[in-house]
PDB file of N, CA and C in Angstrom:
ATOM      1  N   MET A   1    -125.974  78.262  20.949  1.00  0.00           N
ATOM      2  CA  MET A   1    -127.194  77.673  21.453  1.00  0.00           C
ATOM      3  C   MET A   1    -127.560  78.280  22.809  1.00  0.00           C
ATOM      4  N   ILE A   2    -128.870  78.297  23.072  1.00  0.00           N
ATOM      5  CA  ILE A   2    -129.343  78.776  24.403  1.00  0.00           C
ATOM      6  C   ILE A   2    -128.978  77.670  25.402  1.00  0.00           C
ATOM      7  N   ASP A   3    -128.532  78.161  26.594  1.00  0.00           N
ATOM      8  CA  ASP A   3    -128.191  77.252  27.722  1.00  0.00           C
ATOM      9  C   ASP A   3    -129.499  76.773  28.299  1.00  0.00           C
ATOM     10  N   ASP A   4    -130.032  75.600  27.862  1.00  0.00           N
ATOM     11  CA  ASP A   4    -131.344  75.168  28.288  1.00  0.00           C
ATOM     12  C   ASP A   4    -131.447  74.948  29.780  1.00  0.00           C
ATOM     13  N   ALA A   5    -130.353  74.469  30.453  1.00  0.00           N
ATOM     14  CA  ALA A   5    -130.380  74.263  31.885  1.00  0.00           C
ATOM     15  C   ALA A   5    -130.540  75.589  32.658  1.00  0.00           C
ATOM     16  N   LYS A   6    -129.846  76.602  32.148  1.00  0.00           N
ATOM     17  CA  LYS A   6    -129.967  77.918  32.755  1.00  0.00           C
ATOM     18  C   LYS A   6    -131.355  78.496  32.566  1.00  0.00           C
ATOM     19  N   ALA A   7    -131.890  78.310  31.358  1.00  0.00           N
ATOM     20  CA  ALA A   7    -133.298  78.802  31.077  1.00  0.00           C
ATOM     21  C   ALA A   7    -134.258  78.061  31.980  1.00  0.00           C
ATOM     22  N   GLU A   8    -134.126  76.753  32.122  1.00  0.00           N
ATOM     23  CA  GLU A   8    -135.024  75.985  32.977  1.00  0.00           C
ATOM     24  C   GLU A   8    -134.988  76.428  34.445  1.00  0.00           C
ATOM     25  N   ASP A   9    -133.801  76.703  34.928  1.00  0.00           N
ATOM     26  CA  ASP A   9    -133.674  77.141  36.340  1.00  0.00           C
ATOM     27  C   ASP A   9    -134.365  78.550  36.505  1.00  0.00           C
ATOM     28  N   ALA A  10    -134.144  79.432  35.514  1.00  0.00           N
ATOM     29  CA  ALA A  10    -134.747  80.751  35.612  1.00  0.00           C
ATOM     30  C   ALA A  10    -136.298  80.686  35.564  1.00  0.00           C
ATOM     31  N   ILE A  11    -136.806  79.811  34.708  1.00  0.00           N
ATOM     32  CA  ILE A  11    -138.244  79.650  34.601  1.00  0.00           C
ATOM     33  C   ILE A  11    -138.797  79.144  35.917  1.00  0.00           C
ATOM     34  N   GLN A  12    -138.145  78.110  36.484  1.00  0.00           N
ATOM     35  CA  GLN A  12    -138.663  77.550  37.742  1.00  0.00           C
ATOM     36  C   GLN A  12    -138.706  78.628  38.839  1.00  0.00           C
ATOM     37  N   ASP A  13    -137.634  79.356  38.994  1.00  0.00           N
ATOM     38  CA  ASP A  13    -137.592  80.494  39.982  1.00  0.00           C
ATOM     39  C   ASP A  13    -138.725  81.496  39.759  1.00  0.00           C
ATOM     40  N   SER A  14    -138.814  81.937  38.508  1.00  0.00           N
ATOM     41  CA  SER A  14    -139.822  82.917  38.155  1.00  0.00           C
ATOM     42  C   SER A  14    -141.261  82.454  38.374  1.00  0.00           C
ATOM     43  N   VAL A  15    -141.540  81.246  37.895  1.00  0.00           N
ATOM     44  CA  VAL A  15    -142.920  80.684  38.085  1.00  0.00           C
ATOM     45  C   VAL A  15    -143.230  80.496  39.565  1.00  0.00           C
ATOM     46  N   GLU A  16    -142.334  79.979  40.336  1.00  0.00           N
ATOM     47  CA  GLU A  16    -142.595  79.719  41.784  1.00  0.00           C
ATOM     48  C   GLU A  16    -142.816  81.042  42.505  1.00  0.00           C
ATOM     49  N   LYS A  17    -142.164  82.092  42.140  1.00  0.00           N
ATOM     50  CA  LYS A  17    -142.367  83.407  42.746  1.00  0.00           C
ATOM     51  C   LYS A  17    -143.630  84.043  42.273  1.00  0.00           C
ATOM     52  N   SER A  18    -143.915  84.024  40.927  1.00  0.00           N
ATOM     53  CA  SER A  18    -145.014  84.763  40.411  1.00  0.00           C
ATOM     54  C   SER A  18    -146.404  84.134  40.702  1.00  0.00           C
ATOM     55  N   ILE A  19    -146.484  82.801  40.684  1.00  0.00           N
ATOM     56  CA  ILE A  19    -147.815  82.205  40.947  1.00  0.00           C
ATOM     57  C   ILE A  19    -147.819  81.455  42.257  1.00  0.00           C
ATOM     58  N   ASP A  20    -146.769  81.514  43.008  1.00  0.00           N
ATOM     59  CA  ASP A  20    -146.654  80.899  44.317  1.00  0.00           C
ATOM     60  C   ASP A  20    -147.117  79.367  44.224  1.00  0.00           C
ATOM     61  N   ALA A  21    -146.513  78.678  43.276  1.00  0.00           N
ATOM     62  CA  ALA A  21    -146.743  77.251  43.106  1.00  0.00           C
ATOM     63  C   ALA A  21    -145.416  76.515  42.963  1.00  0.00           C
ATOM     64  N   LYS A  22    -145.358  75.300  43.508  1.00  0.00           N
ATOM     65  CA  LYS A  22    -144.094  74.492  43.418  1.00  0.00           C
ATOM     66  C   LYS A  22    -144.012  73.902  42.048  1.00  0.00           C
ATOM     67  N   VAL A  23    -142.801  73.977  41.446  1.00  0.00           N
ATOM     68  CA  VAL A  23    -142.550  73.465  40.155  1.00  0.00           C
ATOM     69  C   VAL A  23    -141.762  72.164  40.277  1.00  0.00           C
ATOM     70  N   ASN A  24    -142.307  71.100  39.678  1.00  0.00           N
ATOM     71  CA  ASN A  24    -141.548  69.804  39.712  1.00  0.00           C
ATOM     72  C   ASN A  24    -140.450  69.804  38.701  1.00  0.00           C
ATOM     73  N   SER A  25    -140.775  70.307  37.481  1.00  0.00           N
ATOM     74  CA  SER A  25    -139.674  70.233  36.440  1.00  0.00           C
ATOM     75  C   SER A  25    -139.998  71.250  35.371  1.00  0.00           C
ATOM     76  N   VAL A  26    -138.991  71.637  34.623  1.00  0.00           N
ATOM     77  CA  VAL A  26    -139.082  72.471  33.460  1.00  0.00           C
ATOM     78  C   VAL A  26    -138.255  71.819  32.365  1.00  0.00           C
ATOM     79  N   ASP A  27    -138.842  71.761  31.160  1.00  0.00           N
ATOM     80  CA  ASP A  27    -138.090  71.099  30.007  1.00  0.00           C
ATOM     81  C   ASP A  27    -138.083  72.046  28.857  1.00  0.00           C
ATOM     82  N   CYS A  28    -136.926  72.566  28.547  1.00  0.00           N
ATOM     83  CA  CYS A  28    -136.689  73.463  27.365  1.00  0.00           C
ATOM     84  C   CYS A  28    -135.892  72.694  26.309  1.00  0.00           C
ATOM     85  N   PRO A  29    -136.103  72.977  25.056  1.00  0.00           N
ATOM     86  CA  PRO A  29    -135.393  72.290  23.989  1.00  0.00           C
ATOM     87  C   PRO A  29    -133.882  72.648  24.081  1.00  0.00           C
ATOM     88  N   ALA A  30    -133.057  71.724  23.720  1.00  0.00           N
ATOM     89  CA  ALA A  30    -131.609  71.946  23.879  1.00  0.00           C
ATOM     90  C   ALA A  30    -130.930  72.476  22.556  1.00  0.00           C
ATOM     91  N   ASP A  31    -131.784  72.636  21.530  1.00  0.00           N
ATOM     92  CA  ASP A  31    -131.266  73.035  20.225  1.00  0.00           C
ATOM     93  C   ASP A  31    -131.739  74.390  19.729  1.00  0.00           C
ATOM     94  N   VAL A  32    -131.989  75.313  20.673  1.00  0.00           N
ATOM     95  CA  VAL A  32    -132.470  76.666  20.276  1.00  0.00           C
ATOM     96  C   VAL A  32    -131.299  77.582  19.930  1.00  0.00           C
ATOM     97  N   GLU A  33    -131.268  78.030  18.758  1.00  0.00           N
ATOM     98  CA  GLU A  33    -130.224  78.916  18.277  1.00  0.00           C
ATOM     99  C   GLU A  33    -130.440  80.304  18.969  1.00  0.00           C
ATOM    100  N   ILE A  34    -129.393  81.030  19.224  1.00  0.00           N
ATOM    101  CA  ILE A  34    -129.468  82.367  19.776  1.00  0.00           C
ATOM    102  C   ILE A  34    -129.723  83.400  18.674  1.00  0.00           C
ATOM    103  N   VAL A  35    -130.966  83.821  18.546  1.00  0.00           N
ATOM    104  CA  VAL A  35    -131.329  84.855  17.570  1.00  0.00           C
ATOM    105  C   VAL A  35    -132.229  85.827  18.348  1.00  0.00           C
ATOM    106  N   ALA A  36    -131.697  87.046  18.573  1.00  0.00           N
ATOM    107  CA  ALA A  36    -132.456  88.075  19.367  1.00  0.00           C
ATOM    108  C   ALA A  36    -133.877  88.238  18.776  1.00  0.00           C
ATOM    109  N   GLU A  37    -134.820  88.366  19.660  1.00  0.00           N
ATOM    110  CA  GLU A  37    -136.204  88.592  19.373  1.00  0.00           C
ATOM    111  C   GLU A  37    -136.952  87.290  18.982  1.00  0.00           C
ATOM    112  N   GLU A  38    -136.278  86.207  18.767  1.00  0.00           N
ATOM    113  CA  GLU A  38    -137.031  84.962  18.500  1.00  0.00           C
ATOM    114  C   GLU A  38    -137.615  84.412  19.781  1.00  0.00           C
ATOM    115  N   THR A  39    -138.599  83.526  19.651  1.00  0.00           N
ATOM    116  CA  THR A  39    -139.256  82.945  20.841  1.00  0.00           C
ATOM    117  C   THR A  39    -139.138  81.414  20.753  1.00  0.00           C
ATOM    118  N   PHE A  40    -139.329  80.778  21.922  1.00  0.00           N
ATOM    119  CA  PHE A  40    -139.422  79.302  21.991  1.00  0.00           C
ATOM    120  C   PHE A  40    -140.197  78.991  23.217  1.00  0.00           C
ATOM    121  N   ASP A  41    -140.683  77.724  23.232  1.00  0.00           N
ATOM    122  CA  ASP A  41    -141.542  77.178  24.321  1.00  0.00           C
ATOM    123  C   ASP A  41    -140.803  76.205  25.232  1.00  0.00           C
ATOM    124  N   CYS A  42    -141.150  76.246  26.495  1.00  0.00           N
ATOM    125  CA  CYS A  42    -140.682  75.281  27.441  1.00  0.00           C
ATOM    126  C   CYS A  42    -141.871  74.720  28.158  1.00  0.00           C
ATOM    127  N   THR A  43    -141.828  73.472  28.574  1.00  0.00           N
ATOM    128  CA  THR A  43    -142.895  72.831  29.304  1.00  0.00           C
ATOM    129  C   THR A  43    -142.618  72.920  30.821  1.00  0.00           C
ATOM    130  N   VAL A  44    -143.623  73.331  31.582  1.00  0.00           N
ATOM    131  CA  VAL A  44    -143.507  73.424  33.056  1.00  0.00           C
ATOM    132  C   VAL A  44    -144.520  72.428  33.699  1.00  0.00           C
ATOM    133  N   ASP A  45    -143.954  71.576  34.508  1.00  0.00           N
ATOM    134  CA  ASP A  45    -144.773  70.577  35.264  1.00  0.00           C
ATOM    135  C   ASP A  45    -144.839  71.100  36.742  1.00  0.00           C
ATOM    136  N   LEU A  46    -146.082  71.395  37.176  1.00  0.00           N
ATOM    137  CA  LEU A  46    -146.267  71.918  38.565  1.00  0.00           C
ATOM    138  C   LEU A  46    -146.466  70.724  39.483  1.00  0.00           C
ATOM    139  N   ALA A  47    -146.213  70.916  40.759  1.00  0.00           N
ATOM    140  CA  ALA A  47    -146.321  69.842  41.802  1.00  0.00           C
ATOM    141  C   ALA A  47    -147.719  69.403  41.951  1.00  0.00           C
ATOM    142  N   ASP A  48    -148.757  70.239  41.647  1.00  0.00           N
ATOM    143  CA  ASP A  48    -150.155  69.825  41.834  1.00  0.00           C
ATOM    144  C   ASP A  48    -150.638  69.064  40.613  1.00  0.00           C
ATOM    145  N   GLY A  49    -149.791  68.694  39.680  1.00  0.00           N
ATOM    146  CA  GLY A  49    -150.202  67.929  38.541  1.00  0.00           C
ATOM    147  C   GLY A  49    -150.590  68.717  37.299  1.00  0.00           C
ATOM    148  N   ARG A  50    -150.688  70.008  37.443  1.00  0.00           N
ATOM    149  CA  ARG A  50    -150.957  70.869  36.288  1.00  0.00           C
ATOM    150  C   ARG A  50    -149.745  71.022  35.439  1.00  0.00           C
ATOM    151  N   GLN A  51    -149.955  71.345  34.164  1.00  0.00           N
ATOM    152  CA  GLN A  51    -148.829  71.586  33.237  1.00  0.00           C
ATOM    153  C   GLN A  51    -149.124  72.894  32.569  1.00  0.00           C
ATOM    154  N   ALA A  52    -148.038  73.593  32.189  1.00  0.00           N
ATOM    155  CA  ALA A  52    -148.144  74.868  31.480  1.00  0.00           C
ATOM    156  C   ALA A  52    -147.046  74.977  30.452  1.00  0.00           C
ATOM    157  N   THR A  53    -147.200  75.881  29.536  1.00  0.00           N
ATOM    158  CA  THR A  53    -146.230  76.171  28.538  1.00  0.00           C
ATOM    159  C   THR A  53    -145.697  77.602  28.755  1.00  0.00           C
ATOM    160  N   ALA A  54    -144.430  77.770  28.889  1.00  0.00           N
ATOM    161  CA  ALA A  54    -143.726  79.022  29.043  1.00  0.00           C
ATOM    162  C   ALA A  54    -143.193  79.458  27.704  1.00  0.00           C
ATOM    163  N   LEU A  55    -143.673  80.659  27.240  1.00  0.00           N
ATOM    164  CA  LEU A  55    -143.117  81.191  26.027  1.00  0.00           C
ATOM    165  C   LEU A  55    -142.028  82.169  26.407  1.00  0.00           C
ATOM    166  N   LEU A  56    -140.817  81.915  25.883  1.00  0.00           N
ATOM    167  CA  LEU A  56    -139.633  82.752  26.187  1.00  0.00           C
ATOM    168  C   LEU A  56    -139.177  83.519  24.926  1.00  0.00           C
ATOM    169  N   ARG A  57    -138.757  84.740  25.146  1.00  0.00           N
ATOM    170  CA  ARG A  57    -138.180  85.570  24.101  1.00  0.00           C
ATOM    171  C   ARG A  57    -136.692  85.712  24.368  1.00  0.00           C
ATOM    172  N   ILE A  58    -135.893  85.552  23.275  1.00  0.00           N
ATOM    173  CA  ILE A  58    -134.469  85.787  23.377  1.00  0.00           C
ATOM    174  C   ILE A  58    -134.213  87.311  23.289  1.00  0.00           C
ATOM    175  N   LEU A  59    -133.574  87.848  24.283  1.00  0.00           N
ATOM    176  CA  LEU A  59    -133.380  89.267  24.371  1.00  0.00           C
ATOM    177  C   LEU A  59    -132.102  89.758  23.729  1.00  0.00           C
ATOM    178  N   SER A  60    -131.123  88.988  23.682  1.00  0.00           N
ATOM    179  CA  SER A  60    -129.786  89.481  23.168  1.00  0.00           C
ATOM    180  C   SER A  60    -129.028  88.360  22.507  1.00  0.00           C
ATOM    181  N   ASP A  61    -127.932  88.786  21.868  1.00  0.00           N
ATOM    182  CA  ASP A  61    -127.028  87.842  21.195  1.00  0.00           C
ATOM    183  C   ASP A  61    -126.237  87.050  22.238  1.00  0.00           C
ATOM    184  N   GLU A  62    -126.317  87.460  23.536  1.00  0.00           N
ATOM    185  CA  GLU A  62    -125.670  86.706  24.616  1.00  0.00           C
ATOM    186  C   GLU A  62    -126.482  85.537  25.113  1.00  0.00           C
ATOM    187  N   GLY A  63    -127.730  85.458  24.640  1.00  0.00           N
ATOM    188  CA  GLY A  63    -128.672  84.378  25.010  1.00  0.00           C
ATOM    189  C   GLY A  63    -129.491  84.678  26.193  1.00  0.00           C
ATOM    190  N   ASP A  64    -129.610  85.941  26.600  1.00  0.00           N
ATOM    191  CA  ASP A  64    -130.487  86.334  27.694  1.00  0.00           C
ATOM    192  C   ASP A  64    -131.933  86.096  27.264  1.00  0.00           C
ATOM    193  N   VAL A  65    -132.758  85.529  28.172  1.00  0.00           N
ATOM    194  CA  VAL A  65    -134.166  85.257  27.853  1.00  0.00           C
ATOM    195  C   VAL A  65    -135.127  85.873  28.853  1.00  0.00           C
ATOM    196  N   ARG A  66    -136.362  86.062  28.487  1.00  0.00           N
ATOM    197  CA  ARG A  66    -137.383  86.518  29.414  1.00  0.00           C
ATOM    198  C   ARG A  66    -138.663  85.734  29.111  1.00  0.00           C
ATOM    199  N   ILE A  67    -139.433  85.437  30.171  1.00  0.00           N
ATOM    200  CA  ILE A  67    -140.709  84.785  29.989  1.00  0.00           C
ATOM    201  C   ILE A  67    -141.715  85.791  29.505  1.00  0.00           C
ATOM    202  N   VAL A  68    -142.312  85.494  28.393  1.00  0.00           N
ATOM    203  CA  VAL A  68    -143.284  86.420  27.790  1.00  0.00           C
ATOM    204  C   VAL A  68    -144.685  86.078  28.373  1.00  0.00           C
ATOM    205  N   ARG A  69    -145.007  84.784  28.441  1.00  0.00           N
ATOM    206  CA  ARG A  69    -146.252  84.391  29.142  1.00  0.00           C
ATOM    207  C   ARG A  69    -146.190  82.926  29.540  1.00  0.00           C
ATOM    208  N   LEU A  70    -147.054  82.563  30.459  1.00  0.00           N
ATOM    209  CA  LEU A  70    -147.194  81.198  30.920  1.00  0.00           C
ATOM    210  C   LEU A  70    -148.652  80.814  30.734  1.00  0.00           C
ATOM    211  N   VAL A  71    -148.812  79.784  29.892  1.00  0.00           N
ATOM    212  CA  VAL A  71    -150.130  79.328  29.499  1.00  0.00           C
ATOM    213  C   VAL A  71    -150.457  77.982  30.052  1.00  0.00           C
ATOM    214  N   PRO A  72    -151.488  77.813  30.881  1.00  0.00           N
ATOM    215  CA  PRO A  72    -151.871  76.453  31.338  1.00  0.00           C
ATOM    216  C   PRO A  72    -152.204  75.551  30.177  1.00  0.00           C
ATOM    217  N   VAL A  73    -151.803  74.326  30.283  1.00  0.00           N
ATOM    218  CA  VAL A  73    -152.222  73.379  29.258  1.00  0.00           C
ATOM    219  C   VAL A  73    -153.565  72.778  29.684  1.00  0.00           C
ATOM    220  N   ASP A  74    -154.522  72.887  28.767  1.00  0.00           N
ATOM    221  CA  ASP A  74    -155.868  72.400  29.026  1.00  0.00           C
ATOM    222  C   ASP A  74    -155.990  70.931  28.780  1.00  0.00           C
ATOM    223  N   GLU A  75    -156.080  70.141  29.814  1.00  0.00           N
ATOM    224  CA  GLU A  75    -156.085  68.693  29.692  1.00  0.00           C
ATOM    225  C   GLU A  75    -157.266  68.225  28.866  1.00  0.00           C
ATOM    226  N   GLY A  76    -158.346  68.973  28.827  1.00  0.00           N
ATOM    227  CA  GLY A  76    -159.502  68.609  28.115  1.00  0.00           C
ATOM    228  C   GLY A  76    -159.620  69.101  26.714  1.00  0.00           C
ATOM    229  N   ALA A  77    -158.595  69.744  26.213  1.00  0.00           N
ATOM    230  CA  ALA A  77    -158.606  70.328  24.803  1.00  0.00           C
ATOM    231  C   ALA A  77    -158.932  69.251  23.855  1.00  0.00           C
ATOM    232  N   GLY A  78    -159.849  69.496  22.951  1.00  0.00           N
ATOM    233  CA  GLY A  78    -160.167  68.668  21.883  1.00  0.00           C
ATOM    234  C   GLY A  78    -161.090  67.458  22.287  1.00  0.00           C
ATOM    235  N   SER A  79    -161.507  67.466  23.548  1.00  0.00           N
ATOM    236  CA  SER A  79    -162.359  66.349  23.968  1.00  0.00           C
ATOM    237  C   SER A  79    -163.882  66.683  23.789  1.00  0.00           C
ATOM    238  N   GLY A  80    -164.122  67.923  23.466  1.00  0.00           N
ATOM    239  CA  GLY A  80    -165.545  68.329  23.262  1.00  0.00           C
ATOM    240  C   GLY A  80    -166.209  68.647  24.595  1.00  0.00           C
ATOM    241  N   LYS A  81    -165.491  68.690  25.734  1.00  0.00           N
ATOM    242  CA  LYS A  81    -166.079  69.043  27.037  1.00  0.00           C
ATOM    243  C   LYS A  81    -165.983  70.501  27.324  1.00  0.00           C
TER     244      LYS A  81
END
């Protein structure tokens, strides 16, 4: 299984450096199997109240991961606004 705590720490460091925003928390699933080239999502809560989804790709059988993209969650999605 992917070390979700390690992935969460890496995402927090990467996001804070890349977009210069404070991260309150990161939540990754704890049951992700290590399969190279597979992807999974983690939720990122920023200090300013915004939320984003980080898409991670598993790079190796050792469980190394890389952020593929960070997508802001649109609070108004589906509201017709």
